Amino acid sequence: MPRFMTLIRIDEQNLPDKAPDADFEKRMGALFEEITKAGVMLETAGLTPTSEGTRLTWSGGRLSRTDGPFTETKEVVGGYAILQAKDMAEALEWTRRFLSAHPESWTVTSEVRQIDEATVVG
């Protein structure tokens, strides 16, 4: 079965100022339990803020380094998941359910892309 990576994008400059509703953790926990039991969720994690990250760029035959935070970037990857689904439609449905579990006042985007198994190293 194909694998898909979902990149969870957030705007670090405009994170919600209030904690999520009390049921958020319960909704997310139930969804993660269901997706794991279905054999779809292979791995997921949140990422530390960009203030703790470093970017390396290769350009013009030279390597440059930029330490975070990356203030010029509005939207950043805040987490990821690797899913194993029968097709893109199934991966999108699980991702839709993940996004829908968030509070309505939040803005969260998820980019879903199939992993190109021909280029997997290791």
PDB file of N, CA and C in Angstrom:
ATOM      1  N   MET A   1       0.841  -1.190   0.000  1.00  0.00           N
ATOM      2  CA  MET A   1       0.000   0.000   0.000  1.00  0.00           C
ATOM      3  C   MET A   1       0.879   1.244   0.000  1.00  0.00           C
ATOM      4  N   PRO A   2       0.448   2.265  -0.693  1.00  0.00           N
ATOM      5  CA  PRO A   2       1.251   3.484  -0.748  1.00  0.00           C
ATOM      6  C   PRO A   2       1.289   4.203   0.601  1.00  0.00           C
ATOM      7  N   ARG A   3       2.367   4.950   0.810  1.00  0.00           N
ATOM      8  CA  ARG A   3       2.521   5.771   2.005  1.00  0.00           C
ATOM      9  C   ARG A   3       2.375   7.234   1.610  1.00  0.00           C
ATOM     10  N   PHE A   4       1.879   8.016   2.548  1.00  0.00           N
ATOM     11  CA  PHE A   4       1.646   9.436   2.324  1.00  0.00           C
ATOM     12  C   PHE A   4       2.222  10.215   3.492  1.00  0.00           C
ATOM     13  N   MET A   5       2.797  11.373   3.200  1.00  0.00           N
ATOM     14  CA  MET A   5       3.259  12.270   4.251  1.00  0.00           C
ATOM     15  C   MET A   5       2.312  13.452   4.284  1.00  0.00           C
ATOM     16  N   THR A   6       1.854  13.771   5.475  1.00  0.00           N
ATOM     17  CA  THR A   6       1.060  14.981   5.650  1.00  0.00           C
ATOM     18  C   THR A   6       1.917  15.969   6.425  1.00  0.00           C
ATOM     19  N   LEU A   7       2.045  17.153   5.887  1.00  0.00           N
ATOM     20  CA  LEU A   7       2.806  18.233   6.513  1.00  0.00           C
ATOM     21  C   LEU A   7       1.793  19.202   7.111  1.00  0.00           C
ATOM     22  N   ILE A   8       1.809  19.319   8.421  1.00  0.00           N
ATOM     23  CA  ILE A   8       0.860  20.170   9.120  1.00  0.00           C
ATOM     24  C   ILE A   8       1.446  21.571   9.187  1.00  0.00           C
ATOM     25  N   ARG A   9       0.785  22.514   8.536  1.00  0.00           N
ATOM     26  CA  ARG A   9       1.298  23.881   8.449  1.00  0.00           C
ATOM     27  C   ARG A   9       0.517  24.805   9.386  1.00  0.00           C
ATOM     28  N   ILE A  10       1.279  25.646  10.075  1.00  0.00           N
ATOM     29  CA  ILE A  10       0.694  26.615  11.002  1.00  0.00           C
ATOM     30  C   ILE A  10       1.359  27.971  10.783  1.00  0.00           C
ATOM     31  N   ASP A  11       0.721  29.010  11.265  1.00  0.00           N
ATOM     32  CA  ASP A  11       1.300  30.356  11.248  1.00  0.00           C
ATOM     33  C   ASP A  11       1.823  30.625  12.653  1.00  0.00           C
ATOM     34  N   GLU A  12       3.130  30.511  12.850  1.00  0.00           N
ATOM     35  CA  GLU A  12       3.720  30.699  14.176  1.00  0.00           C
ATOM     36  C   GLU A  12       3.487  32.098  14.730  1.00  0.00           C
ATOM     37  N   GLN A  13       3.315  33.069  13.852  1.00  0.00           N
ATOM     38  CA  GLN A  13       3.129  34.452  14.294  1.00  0.00           C
ATOM     39  C   GLN A  13       1.721  34.692  14.851  1.00  0.00           C
ATOM     40  N   ASN A  14       0.779  33.807  14.518  1.00  0.00           N
ATOM     41  CA  ASN A  14      -0.619  33.998  14.922  1.00  0.00           C
ATOM     42  C   ASN A  14      -1.211  32.733  15.529  1.00  0.00           C
ATOM     43  N   LEU A  15      -0.508  32.153  16.480  1.00  0.00           N
ATOM     44  CA  LEU A  15      -1.038  30.977  17.165  1.00  0.00           C
ATOM     45  C   LEU A  15      -2.219  31.384  18.039  1.00  0.00           C
ATOM     46  N   PRO A  16      -3.175  30.464  18.251  1.00  0.00           N
ATOM     47  CA  PRO A  16      -4.321  30.797  19.104  1.00  0.00           C
ATOM     48  C   PRO A  16      -3.857  31.252  20.486  1.00  0.00           C
ATOM     49  N   ASP A  17      -4.509  32.293  21.013  1.00  0.00           N
ATOM     50  CA  ASP A  17      -4.099  32.824  22.305  1.00  0.00           C
ATOM     51  C   ASP A  17      -4.786  32.121  23.471  1.00  0.00           C
ATOM     52  N   LYS A  18      -5.769  31.296  23.171  1.00  0.00           N
ATOM     53  CA  LYS A  18      -6.415  30.556  24.241  1.00  0.00           C
ATOM     54  C   LYS A  18      -6.239  29.055  24.013  1.00  0.00           C
ATOM     55  N   ALA A  19      -6.270  28.312  25.092  1.00  0.00           N
ATOM     56  CA  ALA A  19      -6.120  26.863  25.025  1.00  0.00           C
ATOM     57  C   ALA A  19      -7.325  26.258  24.298  1.00  0.00           C
ATOM     58  N   PRO A  20      -7.132  25.109  23.666  1.00  0.00           N
ATOM     59  CA  PRO A  20      -8.264  24.478  22.982  1.00  0.00           C
ATOM     60  C   PRO A  20      -9.335  24.059  23.985  1.00  0.00           C
ATOM     61  N   ASP A  21     -10.553  23.844  23.491  1.00  0.00           N
ATOM     62  CA  ASP A  21     -11.641  23.437  24.366  1.00  0.00           C
ATOM     63  C   ASP A  21     -11.300  22.108  25.059  1.00  0.00           C
ATOM     64  N   ALA A  22     -11.986  21.834  26.129  1.00  0.00           N
ATOM     65  CA  ALA A  22     -11.673  20.680  26.968  1.00  0.00           C
ATOM     66  C   ALA A  22     -11.781  19.350  26.220  1.00  0.00           C
ATOM     67  N   ASP A  23     -12.606  19.286  25.207  1.00  0.00           N
ATOM     68  CA  ASP A  23     -12.800  18.033  24.476  1.00  0.00           C
ATOM     69  C   ASP A  23     -11.768  17.802  23.373  1.00  0.00           C
ATOM     70  N   PHE A  24     -10.941  18.794  23.090  1.00  0.00           N
ATOM     71  CA  PHE A  24      -9.973  18.662  21.988  1.00  0.00           C
ATOM     72  C   PHE A  24      -9.065  17.447  22.178  1.00  0.00           C
ATOM     73  N   GLU A  25      -8.439  17.333  23.343  1.00  0.00           N
ATOM     74  CA  GLU A  25      -7.536  16.205  23.601  1.00  0.00           C
ATOM     75  C   GLU A  25      -8.276  14.876  23.478  1.00  0.00           C
ATOM     76  N   LYS A  26      -9.510  14.839  23.953  1.00  0.00           N
ATOM     77  CA  LYS A  26     -10.305  13.611  23.881  1.00  0.00           C
ATOM     78  C   LYS A  26     -10.621  13.256  22.417  1.00  0.00           C
ATOM     79  N   ARG A  27     -11.028  14.264  21.632  1.00  0.00           N
ATOM     80  CA  ARG A  27     -11.333  14.023  20.208  1.00  0.00           C
ATOM     81  C   ARG A  27     -10.091  13.536  19.473  1.00  0.00           C
ATOM     82  N   MET A  28      -8.956  14.204  19.721  1.00  0.00           N
ATOM     83  CA  MET A  28      -7.718  13.844  19.027  1.00  0.00           C
ATOM     84  C   MET A  28      -7.248  12.453  19.458  1.00  0.00           C
ATOM     85  N   GLY A  29      -7.339  12.155  20.749  1.00  0.00           N
ATOM     86  CA  GLY A  29      -6.944  10.836  21.238  1.00  0.00           C
ATOM     87  C   GLY A  29      -7.774   9.727  20.616  1.00  0.00           C
ATOM     88  N   ALA A  30      -9.082   9.935  20.528  1.00  0.00           N
ATOM     89  CA  ALA A  30      -9.964   8.931  19.918  1.00  0.00           C
ATOM     90  C   ALA A  30      -9.638   8.742  18.443  1.00  0.00           C
ATOM     91  N   LEU A  31      -9.378   9.836  17.736  1.00  0.00           N
ATOM     92  CA  LEU A  31      -9.030   9.732  16.314  1.00  0.00           C
ATOM     93  C   LEU A  31      -7.707   8.994  16.140  1.00  0.00           C
ATOM     94  N   PHE A  32      -6.692   9.338  16.946  1.00  0.00           N
ATOM     95  CA  PHE A  32      -5.393   8.664  16.838  1.00  0.00           C
ATOM     96  C   PHE A  32      -5.514   7.182  17.171  1.00  0.00           C
ATOM     97  N   GLU A  33      -6.354   6.839  18.138  1.00  0.00           N
ATOM     98  CA  GLU A  33      -6.564   5.419  18.462  1.00  0.00           C
ATOM     99  C   GLU A  33      -7.202   4.698  17.273  1.00  0.00           C
ATOM    100  N   GLU A  34      -8.203   5.315  16.660  1.00  0.00           N
ATOM    101  CA  GLU A  34      -8.893   4.706  15.523  1.00  0.00           C
ATOM    102  C   GLU A  34      -7.968   4.546  14.316  1.00  0.00           C
ATOM    103  N   ILE A  35      -7.208   5.588  13.986  1.00  0.00           N
ATOM    104  CA  ILE A  35      -6.343   5.531  12.808  1.00  0.00           C
ATOM    105  C   ILE A  35      -5.186   4.545  13.009  1.00  0.00           C
ATOM    106  N   THR A  36      -4.743   4.397  14.270  1.00  0.00           N
ATOM    107  CA  THR A  36      -3.679   3.438  14.567  1.00  0.00           C
ATOM    108  C   THR A  36      -4.215   2.016  14.487  1.00  0.00           C
ATOM    109  N   LYS A  37      -5.396   1.766  15.057  1.00  0.00           N
ATOM    110  CA  LYS A  37      -6.007   0.431  14.987  1.00  0.00           C
ATOM    111  C   LYS A  37      -6.303   0.033  13.551  1.00  0.00           C
ATOM    112  N   ALA A  38      -6.615   1.005  12.692  1.00  0.00           N
ATOM    113  CA  ALA A  38      -6.895   0.729  11.282  1.00  0.00           C
ATOM    114  C   ALA A  38      -5.622   0.416  10.500  1.00  0.00           C
ATOM    115  N   GLY A  39      -4.458   0.597  11.139  1.00  0.00           N
ATOM    116  CA  GLY A  39      -3.187   0.315  10.472  1.00  0.00           C
ATOM    117  C   GLY A  39      -2.745   1.389   9.505  1.00  0.00           C
ATOM    118  N   VAL A  40      -3.345   2.572   9.616  1.00  0.00           N
ATOM    119  CA  VAL A  40      -3.044   3.662   8.691  1.00  0.00           C
ATOM    120  C   VAL A  40      -1.916   4.552   9.213  1.00  0.00           C
ATOM    121  N   MET A  41      -1.938   4.865  10.504  1.00  0.00           N
ATOM    122  CA  MET A  41      -0.928   5.758  11.086  1.00  0.00           C
ATOM    123  C   MET A  41       0.367   4.996  11.328  1.00  0.00           C
ATOM    124  N   LEU A  42       1.415   5.416  10.666  1.00  0.00           N
ATOM    125  CA  LEU A  42       2.724   4.804  10.867  1.00  0.00           C
ATOM    126  C   LEU A  42       3.577   5.616  11.827  1.00  0.00           C
ATOM    127  N   GLU A  43       3.450   6.940  11.753  1.00  0.00           N
ATOM    128  CA  GLU A  43       4.251   7.824  12.605  1.00  0.00           C
ATOM    129  C   GLU A  43       3.650   9.216  12.572  1.00  0.00           C
ATOM    130  N   THR A  44       3.745   9.925  13.685  1.00  0.00           N
ATOM    131  CA  THR A  44       3.308  11.316  13.734  1.00  0.00           C
ATOM    132  C   THR A  44       4.056  12.031  14.850  1.00  0.00           C
ATOM    133  N   ALA A  45       4.268  13.315  14.691  1.00  0.00           N
ATOM    134  CA  ALA A  45       4.922  14.117  15.731  1.00  0.00           C
ATOM    135  C   ALA A  45       4.745  15.592  15.423  1.00  0.00           C
ATOM    136  N   GLY A  46       4.791  16.378  16.476  1.00  0.00           N
ATOM    137  CA  GLY A  46       4.856  17.820  16.335  1.00  0.00           C
ATOM    138  C   GLY A  46       6.319  18.226  16.276  1.00  0.00           C
ATOM    139  N   LEU A  47       6.583  19.429  15.823  1.00  0.00           N
ATOM    140  CA  LEU A  47       7.949  19.927  15.724  1.00  0.00           C
ATOM    141  C   LEU A  47       8.146  21.110  16.664  1.00  0.00           C
ATOM    142  N   THR A  48       9.376  21.306  17.116  1.00  0.00           N
ATOM    143  CA  THR A  48       9.683  22.452  17.967  1.00  0.00           C
ATOM    144  C   THR A  48       9.532  23.735  17.145  1.00  0.00           C
ATOM    145  N   PRO A  49       9.408  24.879  17.796  1.00  0.00           N
ATOM    146  CA  PRO A  49       9.259  26.150  17.072  1.00  0.00           C
ATOM    147  C   PRO A  49      10.477  26.445  16.191  1.00  0.00           C
ATOM    148  N   THR A  50      10.274  27.261  15.170  1.00  0.00           N
ATOM    149  CA  THR A  50      11.383  27.611  14.272  1.00  0.00           C
ATOM    150  C   THR A  50      12.488  28.345  15.006  1.00  0.00           C
ATOM    151  N   SER A  51      12.183  28.946  16.152  1.00  0.00           N
ATOM    152  CA  SER A  51      13.222  29.629  16.926  1.00  0.00           C
ATOM    153  C   SER A  51      14.294  28.652  17.391  1.00  0.00           C
ATOM    154  N   GLU A  52      13.966  27.372  17.402  1.00  0.00           N
ATOM    155  CA  GLU A  52      14.914  26.341  17.809  1.00  0.00           C
ATOM    156  C   GLU A  52      15.506  25.594  16.613  1.00  0.00           C
ATOM    157  N   GLY A  53      15.198  26.031  15.409  1.00  0.00           N
ATOM    158  CA  GLY A  53      15.651  25.339  14.204  1.00  0.00           C
ATOM    159  C   GLY A  53      16.760  26.064  13.466  1.00  0.00           C
ATOM    160  N   THR A  54      17.320  25.384  12.493  1.00  0.00           N
ATOM    161  CA  THR A  54      18.359  25.931  11.623  1.00  0.00           C
ATOM    162  C   THR A  54      18.061  25.498  10.196  1.00  0.00           C
ATOM    163  N   ARG A  55      18.227  26.412   9.256  1.00  0.00           N
ATOM    164  CA  ARG A  55      18.076  26.095   7.831  1.00  0.00           C
ATOM    165  C   ARG A  55      19.444  26.080   7.176  1.00  0.00           C
ATOM    166  N   LEU A  56      19.699  25.044   6.412  1.00  0.00           N
ATOM    167  CA  LEU A  56      20.890  24.975   5.576  1.00  0.00           C
ATOM    168  C   LEU A  56      20.428  25.089   4.132  1.00  0.00           C
ATOM    169  N   THR A  57      21.095  25.939   3.359  1.00  0.00           N
ATOM    170  CA  THR A  57      20.726  26.157   1.963  1.00  0.00           C
ATOM    171  C   THR A  57      21.951  25.958   1.090  1.00  0.00           C
ATOM    172  N   TRP A  58      21.795  25.173   0.031  1.00  0.00           N
ATOM    173  CA  TRP A  58      22.834  24.973  -0.969  1.00  0.00           C
ATOM    174  C   TRP A  58      22.432  25.783  -2.187  1.00  0.00           C
ATOM    175  N   SER A  59      23.240  26.768  -2.564  1.00  0.00           N
ATOM    176  CA  SER A  59      22.924  27.613  -3.710  1.00  0.00           C
ATOM    177  C   SER A  59      24.216  28.145  -4.310  1.00  0.00           C
ATOM    178  N   GLY A  60      24.342  28.055  -5.622  1.00  0.00           N
ATOM    179  CA  GLY A  60      25.514  28.581  -6.311  1.00  0.00           C
ATOM    180  C   GLY A  60      26.816  27.924  -5.868  1.00  0.00           C
ATOM    181  N   GLY A  61      26.729  26.653  -5.457  1.00  0.00           N
ATOM    182  CA  GLY A  61      27.923  25.943  -5.034  1.00  0.00           C
ATOM    183  C   GLY A  61      28.391  26.286  -3.632  1.00  0.00           C
ATOM    184  N   ARG A  62      27.550  26.999  -2.876  1.00  0.00           N
ATOM    185  CA  ARG A  62      27.921  27.385  -1.507  1.00  0.00           C
ATOM    186  C   ARG A  62      26.824  26.975  -0.539  1.00  0.00           C
ATOM    187  N   LEU A  63      27.232  26.684   0.657  1.00  0.00           N
ATOM    188  CA  LEU A  63      26.306  26.319   1.723  1.00  0.00           C
ATOM    189  C   LEU A  63      26.158  27.503   2.673  1.00  0.00           C
ATOM    190  N   SER A  64      24.919  27.858   2.978  1.00  0.00           N
ATOM    191  CA  SER A  64      24.689  28.919   3.957  1.00  0.00           C
ATOM    192  C   SER A  64      23.819  28.366   5.087  1.00  0.00           C
ATOM    193  N   ARG A  65      23.906  29.031   6.223  1.00  0.00           N
ATOM    194  CA  ARG A  65      23.183  28.607   7.416  1.00  0.00           C
ATOM    195  C   ARG A  65      22.411  29.790   7.970  1.00  0.00           C
ATOM    196  N   THR A  66      21.151  29.541   8.338  1.00  0.00           N
ATOM    197  CA  THR A  66      20.313  30.544   8.974  1.00  0.00           C
ATOM    198  C   THR A  66      19.695  29.916  10.205  1.00  0.00           C
ATOM    199  N   ASP A  67      19.952  30.515  11.371  1.00  0.00           N
ATOM    200  CA  ASP A  67      19.335  30.041  12.599  1.00  0.00           C
ATOM    201  C   ASP A  67      17.979  30.705  12.770  1.00  0.00           C
ATOM    202  N   GLY A  68      17.030  29.964  13.333  1.00  0.00           N
ATOM    203  CA  GLY A  68      15.692  30.478  13.568  1.00  0.00           C
ATOM    204  C   GLY A  68      15.675  31.504  14.686  1.00  0.00           C
ATOM    205  N   PRO A  69      14.585  32.224  14.832  1.00  0.00           N
ATOM    206  CA  PRO A  69      13.330  32.021  14.110  1.00  0.00           C
ATOM    207  C   PRO A  69      13.387  32.593  12.694  1.00  0.00           C
ATOM    208  N   PHE A  70      12.554  32.072  11.854  1.00  0.00           N
ATOM    209  CA  PHE A  70      12.518  32.483  10.452  1.00  0.00           C
ATOM    210  C   PHE A  70      11.352  33.447  10.270  1.00  0.00           C
ATOM    211  N   THR A  71      11.562  34.684  10.643  1.00  0.00           N
ATOM    212  CA  THR A  71      10.487  35.675  10.675  1.00  0.00           C
ATOM    213  C   THR A  71       9.936  36.001   9.299  1.00  0.00           C
ATOM    214  N   GLU A  72      10.718  35.757   8.247  1.00  0.00           N
ATOM    215  CA  GLU A  72      10.217  36.056   6.905  1.00  0.00           C
ATOM    216  C   GLU A  72       9.230  35.006   6.420  1.00  0.00           C
ATOM    217  N   THR A  73       9.097  33.932   7.166  1.00  0.00           N
ATOM    218  CA  THR A  73       8.205  32.848   6.785  1.00  0.00           C
ATOM    219  C   THR A  73       6.928  32.948   7.595  1.00  0.00           C
ATOM    220  N   LYS A  74       5.802  33.090   6.905  1.00  0.00           N
ATOM    221  CA  LYS A  74       4.531  33.177   7.613  1.00  0.00           C
ATOM    222  C   LYS A  74       4.061  31.789   8.026  1.00  0.00           C
ATOM    223  N   GLU A  75       4.064  30.853   7.109  1.00  0.00           N
ATOM    224  CA  GLU A  75       3.537  29.519   7.370  1.00  0.00           C
ATOM    225  C   GLU A  75       4.692  28.534   7.490  1.00  0.00           C
ATOM    226  N   VAL A  76       4.699  27.737   8.562  1.00  0.00           N
ATOM    227  CA  VAL A  76       5.772  26.777   8.780  1.00  0.00           C
ATOM    228  C   VAL A  76       5.186  25.394   9.032  1.00  0.00           C
ATOM    229  N   VAL A  77       6.010  24.371   8.867  1.00  0.00           N
ATOM    230  CA  VAL A  77       5.600  23.018   9.183  1.00  0.00           C
ATOM    231  C   VAL A  77       5.678  22.857  10.698  1.00  0.00           C
ATOM    232  N   GLY A  78       4.544  22.590  11.314  1.00  0.00           N
ATOM    233  CA  GLY A  78       4.485  22.452  12.764  1.00  0.00           C
ATOM    234  C   GLY A  78       4.433  21.004  13.216  1.00  0.00           C
ATOM    235  N   GLY A  79       4.237  20.090  12.264  1.00  0.00           N
ATOM    236  CA  GLY A  79       4.174  18.670  12.577  1.00  0.00           C
ATOM    237  C   GLY A  79       4.020  17.867  11.306  1.00  0.00           C
ATOM    238  N   TYR A  80       4.003  16.562  11.470  1.00  0.00           N
ATOM    239  CA  TYR A  80       3.873  15.697  10.297  1.00  0.00           C
ATOM    240  C   TYR A  80       3.237  14.381  10.711  1.00  0.00           C
ATOM    241  N   ALA A  81       2.772  13.648   9.726  1.00  0.00           N
ATOM    242  CA  ALA A  81       2.302  12.279   9.936  1.00  0.00           C
ATOM    243  C   ALA A  81       2.657  11.484   8.691  1.00  0.00           C
ATOM    244  N   ILE A  82       2.970  10.224   8.891  1.00  0.00           N
ATOM    245  CA  ILE A  82       3.170   9.308   7.772  1.00  0.00           C
ATOM    246  C   ILE A  82       2.056   8.275   7.854  1.00  0.00           C
ATOM    247  N   LEU A  83       1.258   8.228   6.802  1.00  0.00           N
ATOM    248  CA  LEU A  83       0.115   7.332   6.726  1.00  0.00           C
ATOM    249  C   LEU A  83       0.358   6.260   5.676  1.00  0.00           C
ATOM    250  N   GLN A  84      -0.214   5.107   5.880  1.00  0.00           N
ATOM    251  CA  GLN A  84      -0.215   4.063   4.859  1.00  0.00           C
ATOM    252  C   GLN A  84      -1.675   3.816   4.526  1.00  0.00           C
ATOM    253  N   ALA A  85      -2.084   4.231   3.339  1.00  0.00           N
ATOM    254  CA  ALA A  85      -3.487   4.164   2.946  1.00  0.00           C
ATOM    255  C   ALA A  85      -3.605   3.480   1.590  1.00  0.00           C
ATOM    256  N   LYS A  86      -4.810   3.026   1.268  1.00  0.00           N
ATOM    257  CA  LYS A  86      -4.994   2.323  -0.002  1.00  0.00           C
ATOM    258  C   LYS A  86      -4.836   3.255  -1.201  1.00  0.00           C
ATOM    259  N   ASP A  87      -5.145   4.560  -0.988  1.00  0.00           N
ATOM    260  CA  ASP A  87      -5.014   5.528  -2.073  1.00  0.00           C
ATOM    261  C   ASP A  87      -5.066   6.943  -1.505  1.00  0.00           C
ATOM    262  N   MET A  88      -4.920   7.926  -2.374  1.00  0.00           N
ATOM    263  CA  MET A  88      -4.936   9.328  -1.953  1.00  0.00           C
ATOM    264  C   MET A  88      -6.276   9.693  -1.318  1.00  0.00           C
ATOM    265  N   ALA A  89      -7.365   9.156  -1.835  1.00  0.00           N
ATOM    266  CA  ALA A  89      -8.684   9.481  -1.284  1.00  0.00           C
ATOM    267  C   ALA A  89      -8.771   9.083   0.189  1.00  0.00           C
ATOM    268  N   GLU A  90      -8.256   7.916   0.547  1.00  0.00           N
ATOM    269  CA  GLU A  90      -8.292   7.488   1.938  1.00  0.00           C
ATOM    270  C   GLU A  90      -7.379   8.376   2.793  1.00  0.00           C
ATOM    271  N   ALA A  91      -6.203   8.714   2.292  1.00  0.00           N
ATOM    272  CA  ALA A  91      -5.288   9.592   3.032  1.00  0.00           C
ATOM    273  C   ALA A  91      -5.933  10.961   3.261  1.00  0.00           C
ATOM    274  N   LEU A  92      -6.626  11.471   2.256  1.00  0.00           N
ATOM    275  CA  LEU A  92      -7.305  12.769   2.393  1.00  0.00           C
ATOM    276  C   LEU A  92      -8.456  12.696   3.388  1.00  0.00           C
ATOM    277  N   GLU A  93      -9.168  11.583   3.425  1.00  0.00           N
ATOM    278  CA  GLU A  93     -10.274  11.441   4.374  1.00  0.00           C
ATOM    279  C   GLU A  93      -9.763  11.440   5.814  1.00  0.00           C
ATOM    280  N   TRP A  94      -8.695  10.713   6.095  1.00  0.00           N
ATOM    281  CA  TRP A  94      -8.130  10.715   7.444  1.00  0.00           C
ATOM    282  C   TRP A  94      -7.618  12.116   7.807  1.00  0.00           C
ATOM    283  N   THR A  95      -7.017  12.789   6.844  1.00  0.00           N
ATOM    284  CA  THR A  95      -6.498  14.134   7.091  1.00  0.00           C
ATOM    285  C   THR A  95      -7.644  15.115   7.329  1.00  0.00           C
ATOM    286  N   ARG A  96      -8.724  14.973   6.587  1.00  0.00           N
ATOM    287  CA  ARG A  96      -9.915  15.807   6.800  1.00  0.00           C
ATOM    288  C   ARG A  96     -10.421  15.629   8.230  1.00  0.00           C
ATOM    289  N   ARG A  97     -10.477  14.399   8.683  1.00  0.00           N
ATOM    290  CA  ARG A  97     -10.953  14.118  10.036  1.00  0.00           C
ATOM    291  C   ARG A  97     -10.010  14.717  11.083  1.00  0.00           C
ATOM    292  N   PHE A  98      -8.707  14.642  10.826  1.00  0.00           N
ATOM    293  CA  PHE A  98      -7.722  15.233  11.736  1.00  0.00           C
ATOM    294  C   PHE A  98      -7.940  16.745  11.839  1.00  0.00           C
ATOM    295  N   LEU A  99      -8.051  17.422  10.710  1.00  0.00           N
ATOM    296  CA  LEU A  99      -8.238  18.875  10.719  1.00  0.00           C
ATOM    297  C   LEU A  99      -9.558  19.256  11.379  1.00  0.00           C
ATOM    298  N   SER A 100     -10.609  18.488  11.119  1.00  0.00           N
ATOM    299  CA  SER A 100     -11.932  18.784  11.676  1.00  0.00           C
ATOM    300  C   SER A 100     -11.991  18.617  13.187  1.00  0.00           C
ATOM    301  N   ALA A 101     -11.052  17.888  13.770  1.00  0.00           N
ATOM    302  CA  ALA A 101     -11.024  17.708  15.224  1.00  0.00           C
ATOM    303  C   ALA A 101     -10.531  18.962  15.949  1.00  0.00           C
ATOM    304  N   HIS A 102      -9.920  19.893  15.218  1.00  0.00           N
ATOM    305  CA  HIS A 102      -9.386  21.120  15.821  1.00  0.00           C
ATOM    306  C   HIS A 102     -10.507  22.126  16.101  1.00  0.00           C
ATOM    307  N   PRO A 103     -10.293  23.023  17.052  1.00  0.00           N
ATOM    308  CA  PRO A 103     -11.284  24.072  17.319  1.00  0.00           C
ATOM    309  C   PRO A 103     -11.545  24.924  16.073  1.00  0.00           C
ATOM    310  N   GLU A 104     -12.774  25.365  15.921  1.00  0.00           N
ATOM    311  CA  GLU A 104     -13.158  26.154  14.742  1.00  0.00           C
ATOM    312  C   GLU A 104     -12.368  27.441  14.620  1.00  0.00           C
ATOM    313  N   SER A 105     -11.903  27.999  15.716  1.00  0.00           N
ATOM    314  CA  SER A 105     -11.193  29.278  15.682  1.00  0.00           C
ATOM    315  C   SER A 105      -9.742  29.134  15.207  1.00  0.00           C
ATOM    316  N   TRP A 106      -9.229  27.903  15.097  1.00  0.00           N
ATOM    317  CA  TRP A 106      -7.849  27.672  14.668  1.00  0.00           C
ATOM    318  C   TRP A 106      -7.774  27.618  13.148  1.00  0.00           C
ATOM    319  N   THR A 107      -6.603  27.972  12.623  1.00  0.00           N
ATOM    320  CA  THR A 107      -6.313  27.788  11.208  1.00  0.00           C
ATOM    321  C   THR A 107      -5.142  26.817  11.100  1.00  0.00           C
ATOM    322  N   VAL A 108      -5.418  25.649  10.558  1.00  0.00           N
ATOM    323  CA  VAL A 108      -4.408  24.602  10.389  1.00  0.00           C
ATOM    324  C   VAL A 108      -4.553  24.081   8.971  1.00  0.00           C
ATOM    325  N   THR A 109      -3.433  23.953   8.271  1.00  0.00           N
ATOM    326  CA  THR A 109      -3.431  23.448   6.903  1.00  0.00           C
ATOM    327  C   THR A 109      -2.619  22.168   6.866  1.00  0.00           C
ATOM    328  N   SER A 110      -3.026  21.229   6.043  1.00  0.00           N
ATOM    329  CA  SER A 110      -2.259  20.004   5.892  1.00  0.00           C
ATOM    330  C   SER A 110      -2.024  19.737   4.411  1.00  0.00           C
ATOM    331  N   GLU A 111      -0.777  19.590   4.059  1.00  0.00           N
ATOM    332  CA  GLU A 111      -0.397  19.229   2.693  1.00  0.00           C
ATOM    333  C   GLU A 111      -0.188  17.714   2.677  1.00  0.00           C
ATOM    334  N   VAL A 112      -0.888  17.016   1.793  1.00  0.00           N
ATOM    335  CA  VAL A 112      -0.807  15.556   1.711  1.00  0.00           C
ATOM    336  C   VAL A 112      -0.107  15.187   0.414  1.00  0.00           C
ATOM    337  N   ARG A 113       0.975  14.423   0.542  1.00  0.00           N
ATOM    338  CA  ARG A 113       1.732  14.018  -0.649  1.00  0.00           C
ATOM    339  C   ARG A 113       2.121  12.557  -0.530  1.00  0.00           C
ATOM    340  N   GLN A 114       2.013  11.853  -1.648  1.00  0.00           N
ATOM    341  CA  GLN A 114       2.417  10.448  -1.658  1.00  0.00           C
ATOM    342  C   GLN A 114       3.936  10.355  -1.633  1.00  0.00           C
ATOM    343  N   ILE A 115       4.452   9.422  -0.852  1.00  0.00           N
ATOM    344  CA  ILE A 115       5.889   9.201  -0.796  1.00  0.00           C
ATOM    345  C   ILE A 115       6.289   8.434  -2.055  1.00  0.00           C
ATOM    346  N   ASP A 116       7.280   8.938  -2.744  1.00  0.00           N
ATOM    347  CA  ASP A 116       7.792   8.315  -3.960  1.00  0.00           C
ATOM    348  C   ASP A 116       8.709   7.172  -3.545  1.00  0.00           C
ATOM    349  N   GLU A 117       8.181   5.974  -3.538  1.00  0.00           N
ATOM    350  CA  GLU A 117       8.929   4.809  -3.053  1.00  0.00           C
ATOM    351  C   GLU A 117      10.181   4.529  -3.891  1.00  0.00           C
ATOM    352  N   ALA A 118      10.207   5.019  -5.126  1.00  0.00           N
ATOM    353  CA  ALA A 118      11.381   4.782  -5.988  1.00  0.00           C
ATOM    354  C   ALA A 118      12.595   5.580  -5.506  1.00  0.00           C
ATOM    355  N   THR A 119      12.343   6.644  -4.718  1.00  0.00           N
ATOM    356  CA  THR A 119      13.464   7.476  -4.267  1.00  0.00           C
ATOM    357  C   THR A 119      13.796   7.274  -2.796  1.00  0.00           C
ATOM    358  N   VAL A 120      13.123   6.325  -2.138  1.00  0.00           N
ATOM    359  CA  VAL A 120      13.391   6.084  -0.711  1.00  0.00           C
ATOM    360  C   VAL A 120      14.775   5.477  -0.557  1.00  0.00           C
ATOM    361  N   VAL A 121      15.564   6.083   0.326  1.00  0.00           N
ATOM    362  CA  VAL A 121      16.939   5.618   0.568  1.00  0.00           C
ATOM    363  C   VAL A 121      16.952   4.942   1.944  1.00  0.00           C
ATOM    364  N   GLY A 122      17.680   3.834   2.019  1.00  0.00           N
ATOM    365  CA  GLY A 122      17.848   3.182   3.312  1.00  0.00           C
ATOM    366  C   GLY A 122      16.959   2.066   3.428  1.00  0.00           C
TER     367      GLY A 122
END
